[in-house]
């Protein structure tokens, strides 16, 4: 998104939400541009349109709300906890003999929450009461965490993600050197 496109977006926000006037337009444009420059202008404008049409608070959107709206269509495609658990239960039913096949048929995010085909096999050998209470509860909690992590990763621009990964790699390397000093 260019600076001019950012300026147009902010003008649209002011037009749609007359009570929100930006005190220092130059700084506001610079800040919003810095935070949105990674995204295509058409995606940002579509997200603004989604925000206006779905948010009834009467308040203008923040940058994070605009970014969140860019990911709304992908959130609709995600399974709910109950839907995901139903798929896992189906895989567990035949898990003693076909755990790998059952695992492979699960959607990727559900697979991440399950962990591996061996978990399907293990759960298939458990008491049905345990499967329907403890295992279900643990799976749903894990699935929520997987969705949350996926949501976060989707919202972080690739350039920033690369910087964070580089820092994490450097820090883990520095920790290794602290615990394993070179002679």
C-alpha atoms as a PDB file:
ATOM      1  CA  UNK A   1       0.000   0.000   0.000  1.00  0.00           C
ATOM      2  CA  UNK A   2       1.426   3.369  -0.985  1.00  0.00           C
ATOM      3  CA  UNK A   3       1.373   6.516   1.109  1.00  0.00           C
ATOM      4  CA  UNK A   4      -1.231   8.053  -1.217  1.00  0.00           C
ATOM      5  CA  UNK A   5      -3.443   4.961  -0.871  1.00  0.00           C
ATOM      6  CA  UNK A   6      -3.044   5.176   2.913  1.00  0.00           C
ATOM      7  CA  UNK A   7      -4.061   8.839   2.817  1.00  0.00           C
ATOM      8  CA  UNK A   8      -7.181   7.935   0.783  1.00  0.00           C
ATOM      9  CA  UNK A   9      -8.060   5.199   3.294  1.00  0.00           C
ATOM     10  CA  UNK A  10      -7.813   7.658   6.192  1.00  0.00           C
ATOM     11  CA  UNK A  11      -9.963  10.158   4.297  1.00  0.00           C
ATOM     12  CA  UNK A  12     -12.567   7.396   3.799  1.00  0.00           C
ATOM     13  CA  UNK A  13     -12.434   6.606   7.526  1.00  0.00           C
ATOM     14  CA  UNK A  14     -13.017  10.261   8.387  1.00  0.00           C
ATOM     15  CA  UNK A  15     -15.902  10.401   5.904  1.00  0.00           C
ATOM     16  CA  UNK A  16     -17.529   7.244   7.251  1.00  0.00           C
ATOM     17  CA  UNK A  17     -16.908   8.207  10.890  1.00  0.00           C
ATOM     18  CA  UNK A  18     -17.239  12.022  11.105  1.00  0.00           C
ATOM     19  CA  UNK A  19     -16.583  12.031  14.863  1.00  0.00           C
ATOM     20  CA  UNK A  20     -13.045  10.739  14.264  1.00  0.00           C
ATOM     21  CA  UNK A  21     -10.808  13.544  13.115  1.00  0.00           C
ATOM     22  CA  UNK A  22      -7.087  12.891  13.123  1.00  0.00           C
ATOM     23  CA  UNK A  23      -5.246  15.493  15.223  1.00  0.00           C
ATOM     24  CA  UNK A  24      -2.005  15.263  13.283  1.00  0.00           C
ATOM     25  CA  UNK A  25      -2.783  13.960   9.776  1.00  0.00           C
ATOM     26  CA  UNK A  26       0.857  13.742   8.643  1.00  0.00           C
ATOM     27  CA  UNK A  27       1.856  11.565  11.606  1.00  0.00           C
ATOM     28  CA  UNK A  28      -1.302   9.482  11.306  1.00  0.00           C
ATOM     29  CA  UNK A  29      -0.648   8.825   7.610  1.00  0.00           C
ATOM     30  CA  UNK A  30       2.981   7.922   8.352  1.00  0.00           C
ATOM     31  CA  UNK A  31       2.016   5.521  11.161  1.00  0.00           C
ATOM     32  CA  UNK A  32      -0.777   3.804   9.236  1.00  0.00           C
ATOM     33  CA  UNK A  33       1.404   3.540   6.124  1.00  0.00           C
ATOM     34  CA  UNK A  34       4.239   2.005   8.152  1.00  0.00           C
ATOM     35  CA  UNK A  35       1.838  -0.615   9.543  1.00  0.00           C
ATOM     36  CA  UNK A  36      -0.056  -1.328   6.313  1.00  0.00           C
ATOM     37  CA  UNK A  37       2.582  -0.967   3.581  1.00  0.00           C
ATOM     38  CA  UNK A  38       3.007  -4.769   3.339  1.00  0.00           C
ATOM     39  CA  UNK A  39      -0.613  -5.260   2.289  1.00  0.00           C
ATOM     40  CA  UNK A  40      -2.160  -4.673  -1.140  1.00  0.00           C
ATOM     41  CA  UNK A  41      -4.423  -1.623  -1.215  1.00  0.00           C
ATOM     42  CA  UNK A  42      -7.399  -3.582  -2.557  1.00  0.00           C
ATOM     43  CA  UNK A  43      -7.188  -6.015   0.392  1.00  0.00           C
ATOM     44  CA  UNK A  44      -7.042  -3.137   2.896  1.00  0.00           C
ATOM     45  CA  UNK A  45      -9.982  -1.360   1.269  1.00  0.00           C
ATOM     46  CA  UNK A  46     -11.993  -4.592   1.228  1.00  0.00           C
ATOM     47  CA  UNK A  47     -11.173  -5.053   4.925  1.00  0.00           C
ATOM     48  CA  UNK A  48     -12.333  -1.498   5.650  1.00  0.00           C
ATOM     49  CA  UNK A  49     -15.578  -2.233   3.820  1.00  0.00           C
ATOM     50  CA  UNK A  50     -16.032  -5.438   5.871  1.00  0.00           C
ATOM     51  CA  UNK A  51     -15.413  -3.457   9.070  1.00  0.00           C
ATOM     52  CA  UNK A  52     -17.953  -0.777   8.174  1.00  0.00           C
ATOM     53  CA  UNK A  53     -20.598  -3.327   7.220  1.00  0.00           C
ATOM     54  CA  UNK A  54     -20.130  -5.675  10.185  1.00  0.00           C
ATOM     55  CA  UNK A  55     -19.105  -3.485  13.124  1.00  0.00           C
ATOM     56  CA  UNK A  56     -21.928  -1.646  14.824  1.00  0.00           C
ATOM     57  CA  UNK A  57     -19.987   0.106  17.590  1.00  0.00           C
ATOM     58  CA  UNK A  58     -19.970   3.415  15.733  1.00  0.00           C
ATOM     59  CA  UNK A  59     -16.219   3.794  16.292  1.00  0.00           C
ATOM     60  CA  UNK A  60     -13.643   4.097  13.535  1.00  0.00           C
ATOM     61  CA  UNK A  61     -11.401   1.079  13.034  1.00  0.00           C
ATOM     62  CA  UNK A  62      -7.864   0.733  14.323  1.00  0.00           C
ATOM     63  CA  UNK A  63      -5.068  -0.667  12.185  1.00  0.00           C
ATOM     64  CA  UNK A  64      -5.326  -4.036  13.934  1.00  0.00           C
ATOM     65  CA  UNK A  65      -9.076  -4.174  13.271  1.00  0.00           C
ATOM     66  CA  UNK A  66      -8.461  -3.534   9.568  1.00  0.00           C
ATOM     67  CA  UNK A  67      -5.827  -6.292   9.498  1.00  0.00           C
ATOM     68  CA  UNK A  68      -8.209  -8.583  11.363  1.00  0.00           C
ATOM     69  CA  UNK A  69     -10.917  -7.970   8.781  1.00  0.00           C
ATOM     70  CA  UNK A  70      -8.522  -8.983   6.008  1.00  0.00           C
ATOM     71  CA  UNK A  71      -8.525 -12.455   7.560  1.00  0.00           C
ATOM     72  CA  UNK A  72     -12.283 -12.792   8.166  1.00  0.00           C
ATOM     73  CA  UNK A  73     -12.925 -14.845   4.985  1.00  0.00           C
ATOM     74  CA  UNK A  74     -10.312 -17.452   6.010  1.00  0.00           C
ATOM     75  CA  UNK A  75     -11.794 -17.624   9.528  1.00  0.00           C
ATOM     76  CA  UNK A  76     -15.163 -18.556   8.041  1.00  0.00           C
ATOM     77  CA  UNK A  77     -13.528 -21.594   6.402  1.00  0.00           C
ATOM     78  CA  UNK A  78     -12.134 -22.840   9.735  1.00  0.00           C
ATOM     79  CA  UNK A  79     -13.925 -25.602  11.549  1.00  0.00           C
ATOM     80  CA  UNK A  80     -15.451 -24.928  14.938  1.00  0.00           C
ATOM     81  CA  UNK A  81     -14.165 -26.937  17.908  1.00  0.00           C
ATOM     82  CA  UNK A  82     -17.225 -29.174  17.735  1.00  0.00           C
ATOM     83  CA  UNK A  83     -16.873 -29.792  14.000  1.00  0.00           C
ATOM     84  CA  UNK A  84     -13.174 -30.571  14.390  1.00  0.00           C
ATOM     85  CA  UNK A  85     -13.891 -32.958  17.287  1.00  0.00           C
ATOM     86  CA  UNK A  86     -16.544 -34.767  15.219  1.00  0.00           C
ATOM     87  CA  UNK A  87     -13.907 -35.475  12.556  1.00  0.00           C
ATOM     88  CA  UNK A  88     -11.468 -36.710  15.191  1.00  0.00           C
ATOM     89  CA  UNK A  89     -14.142 -38.966  16.752  1.00  0.00           C
ATOM     90  CA  UNK A  90     -14.764 -40.499  13.328  1.00  0.00           C
ATOM     91  CA  UNK A  91     -11.039 -41.208  12.973  1.00  0.00           C
ATOM     92  CA  UNK A  92     -10.915 -42.690  16.497  1.00  0.00           C
ATOM     93  CA  UNK A  93     -13.737 -45.161  15.716  1.00  0.00           C
ATOM     94  CA  UNK A  94     -11.500 -47.013  13.274  1.00  0.00           C
ATOM     95  CA  UNK A  95      -8.269 -45.969  14.980  1.00  0.00           C
ATOM     96  CA  UNK A  96      -7.164 -49.435  16.134  1.00  0.00           C
ATOM     97  CA  UNK A  97      -6.661 -50.572  12.529  1.00  0.00           C
ATOM     98  CA  UNK A  98      -6.578 -47.477  10.341  1.00  0.00           C
ATOM     99  CA  UNK A  99      -5.187 -44.702  12.519  1.00  0.00           C
ATOM    100  CA  UNK A 100      -2.826 -43.435   9.808  1.00  0.00           C
ATOM    101  CA  UNK A 101      -5.601 -43.281   7.206  1.00  0.00           C
ATOM    102  CA  UNK A 102      -7.918 -41.528   9.689  1.00  0.00           C
ATOM    103  CA  UNK A 103      -5.200 -39.044  10.606  1.00  0.00           C
ATOM    104  CA  UNK A 104      -4.323 -38.344   6.966  1.00  0.00           C
ATOM    105  CA  UNK A 105      -7.968 -37.534   6.179  1.00  0.00           C
ATOM    106  CA  UNK A 106      -8.117 -34.800   8.849  1.00  0.00           C
ATOM    107  CA  UNK A 107      -7.667 -31.149   7.790  1.00  0.00           C
ATOM    108  CA  UNK A 108      -4.152 -29.772   8.486  1.00  0.00           C
ATOM    109  CA  UNK A 109      -5.139 -27.627  11.506  1.00  0.00           C
ATOM    110  CA  UNK A 110      -6.965 -30.572  13.078  1.00  0.00           C
ATOM    111  CA  UNK A 111      -3.914 -32.755  12.415  1.00  0.00           C
ATOM    112  CA  UNK A 112      -1.759 -30.217  14.258  1.00  0.00           C
ATOM    113  CA  UNK A 113      -4.096 -30.346  17.248  1.00  0.00           C
ATOM    114  CA  UNK A 114      -4.107 -34.170  17.263  1.00  0.00           C
ATOM    115  CA  UNK A 115      -0.353 -34.443  16.807  1.00  0.00           C
ATOM    116  CA  UNK A 116       0.065 -37.766  15.028  1.00  0.00           C
ATOM    117  CA  UNK A 117      -1.638 -40.946  13.871  1.00  0.00           C
ATOM    118  CA  UNK A 118      -0.315 -42.670  16.982  1.00  0.00           C
ATOM    119  CA  UNK A 119      -2.558 -40.391  19.096  1.00  0.00           C
ATOM    120  CA  UNK A 120      -5.580 -41.572  17.105  1.00  0.00           C
ATOM    121  CA  UNK A 121      -4.492 -45.168  17.750  1.00  0.00           C
ATOM    122  CA  UNK A 122      -3.963 -44.481  21.468  1.00  0.00           C
ATOM    123  CA  UNK A 123      -7.326 -42.734  21.846  1.00  0.00           C
ATOM    124  CA  UNK A 124      -9.058 -45.625  20.058  1.00  0.00           C
ATOM    125  CA  UNK A 125      -7.923 -47.875  22.913  1.00  0.00           C
ATOM    126  CA  UNK A 126      -9.266 -45.598  25.633  1.00  0.00           C
ATOM    127  CA  UNK A 127     -12.545 -45.957  27.496  1.00  0.00           C
ATOM    128  CA  UNK A 128     -15.400 -44.173  25.662  1.00  0.00           C
ATOM    129  CA  UNK A 129     -16.226 -42.066  28.731  1.00  0.00           C
ATOM    130  CA  UNK A 130     -12.632 -40.812  28.822  1.00  0.00           C
ATOM    131  CA  UNK A 131     -12.711 -40.085  25.078  1.00  0.00           C
ATOM    132  CA  UNK A 132     -15.971 -38.141  25.401  1.00  0.00           C
ATOM    133  CA  UNK A 133     -14.789 -36.040  28.348  1.00  0.00           C
ATOM    134  CA  UNK A 134     -11.078 -35.700  29.072  1.00  0.00           C
ATOM    135  CA  UNK A 135      -9.674 -36.335  25.606  1.00  0.00           C
ATOM    136  CA  UNK A 136     -12.364 -34.216  23.947  1.00  0.00           C
ATOM    137  CA  UNK A 137     -11.688 -31.338  26.350  1.00  0.00           C
ATOM    138  CA  UNK A 138      -7.915 -31.541  25.865  1.00  0.00           C
ATOM    139  CA  UNK A 139      -8.279 -31.742  22.081  1.00  0.00           C
ATOM    140  CA  UNK A 140     -10.585 -28.722  21.966  1.00  0.00           C
ATOM    141  CA  UNK A 141      -8.211 -26.667  24.120  1.00  0.00           C
ATOM    142  CA  UNK A 142      -5.303 -27.631  21.861  1.00  0.00           C
ATOM    143  CA  UNK A 143      -7.343 -26.903  18.738  1.00  0.00           C
ATOM    144  CA  UNK A 144      -8.185 -23.405  20.076  1.00  0.00           C
ATOM    145  CA  UNK A 145      -4.461 -22.811  20.620  1.00  0.00           C
ATOM    146  CA  UNK A 146      -3.650 -24.023  17.087  1.00  0.00           C
ATOM    147  CA  UNK A 147      -6.305 -21.691  15.627  1.00  0.00           C
ATOM    148  CA  UNK A 148      -5.038 -18.791  17.723  1.00  0.00           C
ATOM    149  CA  UNK A 149      -1.460 -19.355  16.595  1.00  0.00           C
ATOM    150  CA  UNK A 150      -2.572 -19.662  12.975  1.00  0.00           C
ATOM    151  CA  UNK A 151      -4.605 -16.458  13.276  1.00  0.00           C
ATOM    152  CA  UNK A 152      -1.604 -14.627  14.734  1.00  0.00           C
ATOM    153  CA  UNK A 153       0.736 -15.966  12.040  1.00  0.00           C
ATOM    154  CA  UNK A 154      -1.702 -14.926   9.302  1.00  0.00           C
ATOM    155  CA  UNK A 155      -1.773 -11.358  10.597  1.00  0.00           C
ATOM    156  CA  UNK A 156       1.984 -10.870  10.892  1.00  0.00           C
ATOM    157  CA  UNK A 157       3.517  -9.656   7.618  1.00  0.00           C
ATOM    158  CA  UNK A 158       6.154 -11.968   6.141  1.00  0.00           C
ATOM    159  CA  UNK A 159       8.912  -9.353   6.445  1.00  0.00           C
ATOM    160  CA  UNK A 160       8.294  -8.992  10.194  1.00  0.00           C
ATOM    161  CA  UNK A 161       8.002 -12.754  10.617  1.00  0.00           C
ATOM    162  CA  UNK A 162      11.431 -13.183   8.980  1.00  0.00           C
ATOM    163  CA  UNK A 163      12.962 -10.576  11.328  1.00  0.00           C
ATOM    164  CA  UNK A 164      11.477 -12.301  14.403  1.00  0.00           C
ATOM    165  CA  UNK A 165      12.672 -15.711  13.205  1.00  0.00           C
ATOM    166  CA  UNK A 166      16.149 -14.292  12.641  1.00  0.00           C
ATOM    167  CA  UNK A 167      16.199 -12.851  16.165  1.00  0.00           C
ATOM    168  CA  UNK A 168      14.988 -16.141  17.638  1.00  0.00           C
ATOM    169  CA  UNK A 169      17.698 -18.042  15.753  1.00  0.00           C
ATOM    170  CA  UNK A 170      20.335 -15.579  16.946  1.00  0.00           C
ATOM    171  CA  UNK A 171      19.122 -15.773  20.554  1.00  0.00           C
ATOM    172  CA  UNK A 172      19.096 -19.563  20.532  1.00  0.00           C
ATOM    173  CA  UNK A 173      22.616 -19.481  19.051  1.00  0.00           C
ATOM    174  CA  UNK A 174      23.760 -17.025  21.755  1.00  0.00           C
ATOM    175  CA  UNK A 175      22.275 -19.272  24.460  1.00  0.00           C
ATOM    176  CA  UNK A 176      24.077 -22.229  22.961  1.00  0.00           C
ATOM    177  CA  UNK A 177      27.374 -20.330  23.085  1.00  0.00           C
ATOM    178  CA  UNK A 178      26.713 -19.331  26.730  1.00  0.00           C
ATOM    179  CA  UNK A 179      26.183 -22.948  27.751  1.00  0.00           C
ATOM    180  CA  UNK A 180      28.893 -24.345  25.463  1.00  0.00           C
ATOM    181  CA  UNK A 181      31.783 -21.847  25.544  1.00  0.00           C
ATOM    182  CA  UNK A 182      34.355 -22.103  22.781  1.00  0.00           C
ATOM    183  CA  UNK A 183      37.934 -22.860  23.855  1.00  0.00           C
END
